[in-house]
Amino acid sequence: MKDIIYIKDLRVKTIIGIFDWERKTKQEVSIDMEFPFDCKKAAASDSIDDALDYKVITKAVIKFVEESSFQLQETLAEGIAALIKENFDVESLKLRISKPGALRGAKDVGLVIHR
C-alpha cells in the first residue's frame, strides 16, 4: 500500500460553464487532488529531491486552470489529470472538481475522477 499526498480545496478562478454569462465572468472552482506516493525514501533522506513536490504541481495546475476556458467541469478535470500525469512522476491520481454555489440550495456541484 502506498501513502497519499493530497491537496484540498485549491481555489482558482476560471471561465467555466455553458451559459452566456459564464463565458464572460470568471468563476471559482475548488480542486482536491490525491496522489499515491511511497513517502519512505523522502522521509529517510529528508530531501525534496526524493519527494513529490506538490508546490510545483499546484503552480502548474493553477496556471492551467486560470488560462483555461472550458464549458464542462469534465473537460477541465481531464485536462488537469493529463497535465499531472504527463509532466510529473505521478502514476495515478484522484481528482475532485466543483463549482461552489453553482446550484441554488447546494453548497457545490462537481465530479470525482480516478486516473
Protein backbone atom coordinates (compact mmCIF):
# COMPACT_ATOMS: atom_id res chain seq x y z
CA MET A 1 0.00 0.00 0.00
CA LYS A 2 1.25 3.48 -0.86
CA ASP A 3 0.92 6.66 1.10
CA ILE A 4 -1.18 9.53 -0.19
CA ILE A 5 -0.15 13.12 -0.74
CA TYR A 6 -3.16 15.42 -1.04
CA ILE A 7 -4.07 18.99 -1.83
CA LYS A 8 -7.50 20.04 -0.58
CA ASP A 9 -9.78 22.87 -1.67
CA LEU A 10 -7.41 24.65 -4.04
CA ARG A 11 -9.46 27.66 -5.17
CA VAL A 12 -8.86 29.03 -8.68
CA LYS A 13 -10.89 31.41 -10.86
CA THR A 14 -11.54 30.46 -14.46
CA ILE A 15 -14.03 30.65 -17.31
CA ILE A 16 -16.19 27.55 -16.92
CA GLY A 17 -19.78 26.85 -17.94
CA ILE A 18 -22.27 26.68 -20.76
CA PHE A 19 -24.33 29.83 -20.22
CA ASP A 20 -23.50 33.16 -21.88
CA TRP A 21 -22.76 34.90 -18.57
CA GLU A 22 -20.41 32.06 -17.59
CA ARG A 23 -18.39 32.62 -20.77
CA LYS A 24 -17.76 36.23 -19.70
CA THR A 25 -17.28 36.02 -15.95
CA LYS A 26 -14.61 34.02 -14.15
CA GLN A 27 -15.97 31.65 -11.54
CA GLU A 28 -14.21 29.98 -8.67
CA VAL A 29 -13.63 26.25 -8.83
CA SER A 30 -12.47 24.09 -5.94
CA ILE A 31 -9.97 21.32 -6.63
CA ASP A 32 -8.90 18.37 -4.47
CA MET A 33 -6.07 16.11 -5.63
CA GLU A 34 -4.71 12.87 -4.18
CA PHE A 35 -1.53 11.15 -5.36
CA PRO A 36 -0.43 7.71 -4.18
CA PHE A 37 3.26 8.05 -3.29
CA ASP A 38 5.66 5.98 -1.23
CA CYS A 39 6.98 8.53 1.26
CA LYS A 40 9.61 6.27 2.89
CA LYS A 41 12.57 7.39 0.77
CA ALA A 42 11.76 11.10 1.20
CA ALA A 43 11.26 10.63 4.93
CA ALA A 44 14.60 8.83 5.28
CA SER A 45 16.58 11.39 3.26
CA ASP A 46 14.60 14.47 4.34
CA SER A 47 15.22 15.78 0.81
CA ILE A 48 12.74 17.36 -1.61
CA ASP A 49 14.60 15.51 -4.38
CA ASP A 50 13.05 12.27 -3.07
CA ALA A 51 9.59 13.72 -2.54
CA LEU A 52 6.67 14.61 -4.75
CA ASP A 53 6.94 18.39 -4.99
CA TYR A 54 3.30 19.35 -4.51
CA LYS A 55 4.11 23.06 -4.72
CA VAL A 56 5.38 22.67 -8.30
CA ILE A 57 2.32 20.57 -9.21
CA THR A 58 -0.02 23.11 -7.63
CA LYS A 59 1.56 26.03 -9.50
CA ALA A 60 1.18 24.14 -12.81
CA VAL A 61 -2.47 23.32 -12.06
CA ILE A 62 -3.25 26.94 -11.11
CA LYS A 63 -1.67 28.23 -14.34
CA PHE A 64 -3.55 25.66 -16.43
CA VAL A 65 -6.92 26.37 -14.80
CA GLU A 66 -6.55 30.16 -14.89
CA GLU A 67 -5.71 30.05 -18.60
CA SER A 68 -8.44 27.55 -19.50
CA SER A 69 -11.90 28.27 -20.86
CA PHE A 70 -13.93 25.05 -20.82
CA GLN A 71 -17.67 24.58 -20.89
CA LEU A 72 -17.69 21.42 -18.78
CA GLN A 73 -16.10 20.52 -15.47
CA GLU A 74 -15.47 17.09 -17.00
CA THR A 75 -13.18 18.61 -19.64
CA LEU A 76 -11.34 20.67 -17.03
CA ALA A 77 -10.83 17.58 -14.86
CA GLU A 78 -9.45 15.53 -17.74
CA GLY A 79 -7.09 18.37 -18.67
CA ILE A 80 -5.75 18.64 -15.13
CA ALA A 81 -5.31 14.87 -14.86
CA ALA A 82 -3.42 14.74 -18.17
CA LEU A 83 -1.21 17.68 -17.14
CA ILE A 84 -0.23 15.99 -13.89
CA LYS A 85 0.33 12.50 -15.32
CA GLU A 86 2.32 13.74 -18.33
CA ASN A 87 4.55 16.25 -16.53
CA PHE A 88 5.16 14.84 -13.07
CA ASP A 89 6.16 11.47 -11.67
CA VAL A 90 2.55 10.54 -10.86
CA GLU A 91 1.21 7.15 -11.93
CA SER A 92 -2.35 7.70 -10.76
CA LEU A 93 -4.49 10.31 -9.09
CA LYS A 94 -7.89 11.05 -7.66
CA LEU A 95 -9.21 14.47 -8.62
CA ARG A 96 -12.30 16.33 -7.41
CA ILE A 97 -13.53 19.48 -9.14
CA SER A 98 -16.50 21.54 -8.01
CA LYS A 99 -18.19 24.87 -8.63
CA PRO A 100 -19.20 26.23 -5.22
CA GLY A 101 -22.62 27.87 -5.28
CA ALA A 102 -23.45 26.74 -8.82
CA LEU A 103 -26.76 25.20 -7.72
CA ARG A 104 -29.27 27.01 -5.59
CA GLY A 105 -29.63 25.19 -2.28
CA ALA A 106 -26.42 23.19 -2.71
CA LYS A 107 -23.00 24.04 -1.31
CA ASP A 108 -21.36 22.93 -4.55
CA VAL A 109 -21.61 20.57 -7.50
CA GLY A 110 -18.84 18.71 -9.25
CA LEU A 111 -17.25 15.40 -10.07
CA VAL A 112 -14.55 13.00 -8.93
CA ILE A 113 -12.32 11.13 -11.38
CA HIS A 114 -9.67 8.46 -10.88
CA ARG A 115 -6.92 8.23 -13.49
